[in-house]
Amino acid sequence: MIFEWRTYQAADNGAPAMKDRFMKHTLRFFAKHGIGVIGVYSDSADPSKLYYLTQFETDEKRQTAWKAFQSDPDWQAVKRDSEVNGALVAAQTTLVLHPEPAR
């Protein structure tokens, strides 16, 4: 199993809109494209960030799922419509976690 830990940093004053889009729209598209979400998290010390953990059977399936999500025309429309006043995400980091083989 492959896991991904992603962090989104909201653009200036964009955290509420970023989190709203993620919870109301993005998660639906993740499910559609096989992006398994384990959990979505926030940090009360830094409310401008959103964290989430995903899982995939293989790295190939992970890459295929992300490409399908990003190229989905319905997702692109949601993203475009939600960013009429500017981008909601200023920065994103991704940590891909591969299992350590047994020794």
N, C-alpha and C. Protein backbone atom coordinates (compact mmCIF):
# COMPACT_ATOMS: atom_id res chain seq x y z
N MET A 1 0.85 -1.17 0.00
CA MET A 1 0.00 0.00 0.00
C MET A 1 0.90 1.24 0.00
N ILE A 2 0.54 2.20 -0.83
CA ILE A 2 1.24 3.47 -0.92
C ILE A 2 0.39 4.54 -0.25
N PHE A 3 1.01 5.38 0.55
CA PHE A 3 0.30 6.47 1.21
C PHE A 3 0.87 7.79 0.75
N GLU A 4 0.02 8.81 0.75
CA GLU A 4 0.46 10.17 0.46
C GLU A 4 -0.03 11.08 1.56
N TRP A 5 0.86 11.93 2.03
CA TRP A 5 0.50 12.97 2.99
C TRP A 5 0.65 14.29 2.25
N ARG A 6 -0.46 15.00 2.11
CA ARG A 6 -0.44 16.27 1.39
C ARG A 6 -0.81 17.42 2.31
N THR A 7 -0.15 18.54 2.06
CA THR A 7 -0.42 19.76 2.80
C THR A 7 -0.72 20.86 1.79
N TYR A 8 -1.83 21.56 2.00
CA TYR A 8 -2.18 22.72 1.19
C TYR A 8 -2.05 23.96 2.06
N GLN A 9 -1.36 24.94 1.55
CA GLN A 9 -1.25 26.25 2.18
C GLN A 9 -2.17 27.19 1.43
N ALA A 10 -3.14 27.76 2.13
CA ALA A 10 -4.10 28.65 1.48
C ALA A 10 -3.44 29.95 1.04
N ALA A 11 -3.95 30.49 -0.05
CA ALA A 11 -3.56 31.83 -0.46
C ALA A 11 -4.07 32.81 0.60
N ASP A 12 -3.58 34.03 0.56
CA ASP A 12 -3.97 35.05 1.55
C ASP A 12 -5.48 35.08 1.77
N ASN A 13 -5.87 34.90 3.01
CA ASN A 13 -7.28 34.94 3.42
C ASN A 13 -8.17 33.93 2.69
N GLY A 14 -7.56 32.93 2.07
CA GLY A 14 -8.33 31.98 1.28
C GLY A 14 -8.63 30.67 1.98
N ALA A 15 -8.22 30.51 3.23
CA ALA A 15 -8.40 29.22 3.91
C ALA A 15 -9.85 28.77 3.97
N PRO A 16 -10.80 29.63 4.35
CA PRO A 16 -12.19 29.15 4.39
C PRO A 16 -12.69 28.66 3.03
N ALA A 17 -12.40 29.39 1.98
CA ALA A 17 -12.85 28.99 0.64
C ALA A 17 -12.12 27.73 0.17
N MET A 18 -10.83 27.61 0.48
CA MET A 18 -10.06 26.43 0.09
C MET A 18 -10.62 25.19 0.78
N LYS A 19 -10.87 25.29 2.08
CA LYS A 19 -11.38 24.15 2.83
C LYS A 19 -12.81 23.81 2.41
N ASP A 20 -13.60 24.81 2.13
CA ASP A 20 -14.98 24.59 1.68
C ASP A 20 -14.99 23.84 0.35
N ARG A 21 -14.17 24.28 -0.61
CA ARG A 21 -14.10 23.60 -1.90
C ARG A 21 -13.62 22.16 -1.72
N PHE A 22 -12.63 21.97 -0.87
CA PHE A 22 -12.09 20.63 -0.67
C PHE A 22 -13.17 19.68 -0.13
N MET A 23 -13.87 20.12 0.90
CA MET A 23 -14.86 19.26 1.55
C MET A 23 -16.12 19.07 0.70
N LYS A 24 -16.56 20.09 -0.01
CA LYS A 24 -17.80 20.01 -0.78
C LYS A 24 -17.62 19.45 -2.18
N HIS A 25 -16.43 19.60 -2.75
CA HIS A 25 -16.25 19.20 -4.15
C HIS A 25 -15.09 18.24 -4.37
N THR A 26 -13.92 18.60 -3.87
CA THR A 26 -12.71 17.83 -4.18
C THR A 26 -12.83 16.37 -3.75
N LEU A 27 -13.35 16.14 -2.56
CA LEU A 27 -13.46 14.76 -2.07
C LEU A 27 -14.33 13.91 -2.98
N ARG A 28 -15.35 14.49 -3.55
CA ARG A 28 -16.23 13.76 -4.48
C ARG A 28 -15.45 13.32 -5.72
N PHE A 29 -14.60 14.21 -6.23
CA PHE A 29 -13.80 13.86 -7.41
C PHE A 29 -12.71 12.85 -7.05
N PHE A 30 -12.16 12.95 -5.86
CA PHE A 30 -11.19 11.94 -5.42
C PHE A 30 -11.82 10.56 -5.47
N ALA A 31 -13.02 10.43 -4.91
CA ALA A 31 -13.71 9.13 -4.90
C ALA A 31 -13.95 8.64 -6.32
N LYS A 32 -14.35 9.53 -7.19
CA LYS A 32 -14.64 9.18 -8.58
C LYS A 32 -13.40 8.59 -9.27
N HIS A 33 -12.21 9.08 -8.90
CA HIS A 33 -10.99 8.68 -9.59
C HIS A 33 -10.11 7.71 -8.80
N GLY A 34 -10.65 7.13 -7.73
CA GLY A 34 -9.93 6.10 -7.00
C GLY A 34 -8.86 6.62 -6.06
N ILE A 35 -9.01 7.85 -5.61
CA ILE A 35 -8.09 8.41 -4.63
C ILE A 35 -8.71 8.16 -3.26
N GLY A 36 -8.18 7.18 -2.56
CA GLY A 36 -8.73 6.78 -1.27
C GLY A 36 -8.28 7.71 -0.16
N VAL A 37 -9.20 8.42 0.43
CA VAL A 37 -8.86 9.36 1.50
C VAL A 37 -9.04 8.68 2.86
N ILE A 38 -7.98 8.65 3.63
CA ILE A 38 -8.02 8.09 4.97
C ILE A 38 -8.53 9.13 5.95
N GLY A 39 -8.09 10.37 5.77
CA GLY A 39 -8.55 11.43 6.67
C GLY A 39 -8.14 12.80 6.19
N VAL A 40 -8.89 13.80 6.66
CA VAL A 40 -8.62 15.21 6.37
C VAL A 40 -8.43 15.89 7.72
N TYR A 41 -7.39 16.72 7.82
CA TYR A 41 -6.99 17.26 9.11
C TYR A 41 -6.68 18.75 9.02
N SER A 42 -6.82 19.40 10.17
CA SER A 42 -6.41 20.80 10.29
C SER A 42 -5.61 20.95 11.57
N ASP A 43 -4.94 22.08 11.68
CA ASP A 43 -4.12 22.39 12.84
C ASP A 43 -4.61 23.73 13.38
N SER A 44 -5.15 23.74 14.58
CA SER A 44 -5.70 24.97 15.14
C SER A 44 -4.62 26.05 15.31
N ALA A 45 -3.36 25.66 15.37
CA ALA A 45 -2.27 26.62 15.48
C ALA A 45 -1.99 27.32 14.15
N ASP A 46 -2.42 26.71 13.05
CA ASP A 46 -2.22 27.31 11.72
C ASP A 46 -3.42 26.97 10.83
N PRO A 47 -4.50 27.71 10.97
CA PRO A 47 -5.72 27.41 10.22
C PRO A 47 -5.63 27.67 8.72
N SER A 48 -4.50 28.20 8.26
CA SER A 48 -4.34 28.45 6.83
C SER A 48 -3.91 27.19 6.07
N LYS A 49 -3.73 26.08 6.78
CA LYS A 49 -3.30 24.84 6.14
C LYS A 49 -4.37 23.77 6.24
N LEU A 50 -4.35 22.89 5.25
CA LEU A 50 -5.22 21.71 5.21
C LEU A 50 -4.32 20.52 4.94
N TYR A 51 -4.51 19.46 5.70
CA TYR A 51 -3.71 18.25 5.56
C TYR A 51 -4.63 17.08 5.24
N TYR A 52 -4.15 16.15 4.41
CA TYR A 52 -4.93 14.93 4.20
C TYR A 52 -4.02 13.78 3.82
N LEU A 53 -4.51 12.58 4.14
CA LEU A 53 -3.78 11.35 3.89
C LEU A 53 -4.57 10.49 2.93
N THR A 54 -3.90 10.03 1.88
CA THR A 54 -4.55 9.16 0.89
C THR A 54 -3.80 7.83 0.81
N GLN A 55 -4.47 6.85 0.20
CA GLN A 55 -3.84 5.54 0.03
C GLN A 55 -4.14 4.99 -1.36
N PHE A 56 -3.20 4.20 -1.86
CA PHE A 56 -3.31 3.58 -3.18
C PHE A 56 -2.69 2.19 -3.11
N GLU A 57 -3.19 1.29 -3.94
CA GLU A 57 -2.65 -0.08 -3.96
C GLU A 57 -1.21 -0.11 -4.48
N THR A 58 -0.94 0.68 -5.51
CA THR A 58 0.40 0.70 -6.11
C THR A 58 0.74 2.14 -6.51
N ASP A 59 2.01 2.37 -6.77
CA ASP A 59 2.43 3.69 -7.22
C ASP A 59 1.85 3.99 -8.61
N GLU A 60 1.74 2.97 -9.44
CA GLU A 60 1.15 3.16 -10.77
C GLU A 60 -0.30 3.62 -10.66
N LYS A 61 -1.07 3.00 -9.78
CA LYS A 61 -2.46 3.41 -9.58
C LYS A 61 -2.54 4.82 -8.99
N ARG A 62 -1.59 5.17 -8.14
CA ARG A 62 -1.54 6.51 -7.58
C ARG A 62 -1.36 7.54 -8.70
N GLN A 63 -0.39 7.30 -9.55
CA GLN A 63 -0.11 8.24 -10.64
C GLN A 63 -1.29 8.33 -11.62
N THR A 64 -1.88 7.20 -11.94
CA THR A 64 -3.03 7.18 -12.85
C THR A 64 -4.22 7.94 -12.26
N ALA A 65 -4.47 7.75 -10.97
CA ALA A 65 -5.60 8.41 -10.32
C ALA A 65 -5.42 9.93 -10.32
N TRP A 66 -4.21 10.40 -10.01
CA TRP A 66 -3.97 11.84 -9.98
C TRP A 66 -4.11 12.45 -11.37
N LYS A 67 -3.62 11.76 -12.39
CA LYS A 67 -3.75 12.28 -13.76
C LYS A 67 -5.22 12.36 -14.16
N ALA A 68 -5.99 11.33 -13.82
CA ALA A 68 -7.42 11.33 -14.16
C ALA A 68 -8.15 12.46 -13.43
N PHE A 69 -7.84 12.65 -12.16
CA PHE A 69 -8.47 13.72 -11.39
C PHE A 69 -8.15 15.08 -11.99
N GLN A 70 -6.88 15.34 -12.24
CA GLN A 70 -6.47 16.65 -12.73
C GLN A 70 -7.00 16.95 -14.12
N SER A 71 -7.25 15.94 -14.92
CA SER A 71 -7.75 16.18 -16.28
C SER A 71 -9.27 16.10 -16.39
N ASP A 72 -9.94 15.82 -15.29
CA ASP A 72 -11.41 15.72 -15.30
C ASP A 72 -12.01 17.10 -15.62
N PRO A 73 -12.77 17.21 -16.71
CA PRO A 73 -13.32 18.52 -17.08
C PRO A 73 -14.30 19.08 -16.05
N ASP A 74 -15.01 18.21 -15.34
CA ASP A 74 -15.92 18.70 -14.31
C ASP A 74 -15.14 19.29 -13.13
N TRP A 75 -14.02 18.63 -12.75
CA TRP A 75 -13.17 19.18 -11.70
C TRP A 75 -12.56 20.51 -12.16
N GLN A 76 -12.09 20.56 -13.39
CA GLN A 76 -11.49 21.79 -13.91
C GLN A 76 -12.49 22.94 -13.86
N ALA A 77 -13.76 22.66 -14.13
CA ALA A 77 -14.79 23.70 -14.06
C ALA A 77 -15.00 24.17 -12.63
N VAL A 78 -15.06 23.23 -11.68
CA VAL A 78 -15.21 23.60 -10.27
C VAL A 78 -14.03 24.46 -9.82
N LYS A 79 -12.83 24.04 -10.18
CA LYS A 79 -11.63 24.78 -9.81
C LYS A 79 -11.65 26.18 -10.41
N ARG A 80 -11.94 26.26 -11.69
CA ARG A 80 -11.98 27.55 -12.37
C ARG A 80 -13.03 28.48 -11.74
N ASP A 81 -14.22 27.95 -11.50
CA ASP A 81 -15.31 28.75 -10.93
C ASP A 81 -14.99 29.23 -9.51
N SER A 82 -14.26 28.41 -8.75
CA SER A 82 -13.94 28.77 -7.37
C SER A 82 -12.75 29.74 -7.28
N GLU A 83 -12.07 29.94 -8.40
CA GLU A 83 -10.88 30.79 -8.38
C GLU A 83 -11.05 32.05 -9.22
N VAL A 84 -12.29 32.52 -9.39
CA VAL A 84 -12.52 33.73 -10.18
C VAL A 84 -11.82 34.94 -9.56
N ASN A 85 -11.60 34.93 -8.25
CA ASN A 85 -10.92 36.04 -7.57
C ASN A 85 -9.47 35.71 -7.23
N GLY A 86 -8.96 34.63 -7.79
CA GLY A 86 -7.58 34.24 -7.54
C GLY A 86 -7.49 32.81 -7.00
N ALA A 87 -6.29 32.27 -7.06
CA ALA A 87 -6.04 30.91 -6.59
C ALA A 87 -6.34 30.77 -5.10
N LEU A 88 -6.86 29.61 -4.72
CA LEU A 88 -7.15 29.34 -3.32
C LEU A 88 -5.96 28.69 -2.61
N VAL A 89 -5.13 27.98 -3.36
CA VAL A 89 -3.97 27.28 -2.79
C VAL A 89 -2.71 28.02 -3.23
N ALA A 90 -1.92 28.45 -2.24
CA ALA A 90 -0.68 29.15 -2.54
C ALA A 90 0.48 28.18 -2.72
N ALA A 91 0.45 27.07 -1.98
CA ALA A 91 1.53 26.09 -2.05
C ALA A 91 0.99 24.72 -1.64
N GLN A 92 1.65 23.71 -2.17
CA GLN A 92 1.26 22.33 -1.86
C GLN A 92 2.52 21.51 -1.69
N THR A 93 2.53 20.64 -0.68
CA THR A 93 3.63 19.69 -0.54
C THR A 93 3.04 18.29 -0.52
N THR A 94 3.81 17.37 -1.06
CA THR A 94 3.38 15.97 -1.12
C THR A 94 4.51 15.09 -0.63
N LEU A 95 4.17 14.20 0.27
CA LEU A 95 5.11 13.20 0.77
C LEU A 95 4.54 11.83 0.41
N VAL A 96 5.22 11.11 -0.47
CA VAL A 96 4.78 9.77 -0.88
C VAL A 96 5.50 8.76 0.00
N LEU A 97 4.72 7.93 0.67
CA LEU A 97 5.25 6.96 1.63
C LEU A 97 5.10 5.56 1.09
N HIS A 98 6.24 4.91 0.90
CA HIS A 98 6.28 3.52 0.41
C HIS A 98 6.60 2.62 1.59
N PRO A 99 6.02 1.43 1.62
CA PRO A 99 6.30 0.53 2.75
C PRO A 99 7.76 0.09 2.76
N GLU A 100 8.28 -0.01 3.92
CA GLU A 100 9.64 -0.51 4.10
C GLU A 100 9.58 -2.04 4.04
N PRO A 101 10.41 -2.66 3.20
CA PRO A 101 10.35 -4.12 3.10
C PRO A 101 10.76 -4.80 4.42
N ALA A 102 10.11 -5.91 4.69
CA ALA A 102 10.46 -6.68 5.89
C ALA A 102 11.87 -7.20 5.77
N ARG A 103 12.54 -7.31 6.89
CA ARG A 103 13.95 -7.77 6.85
C ARG A 103 14.09 -9.05 7.61
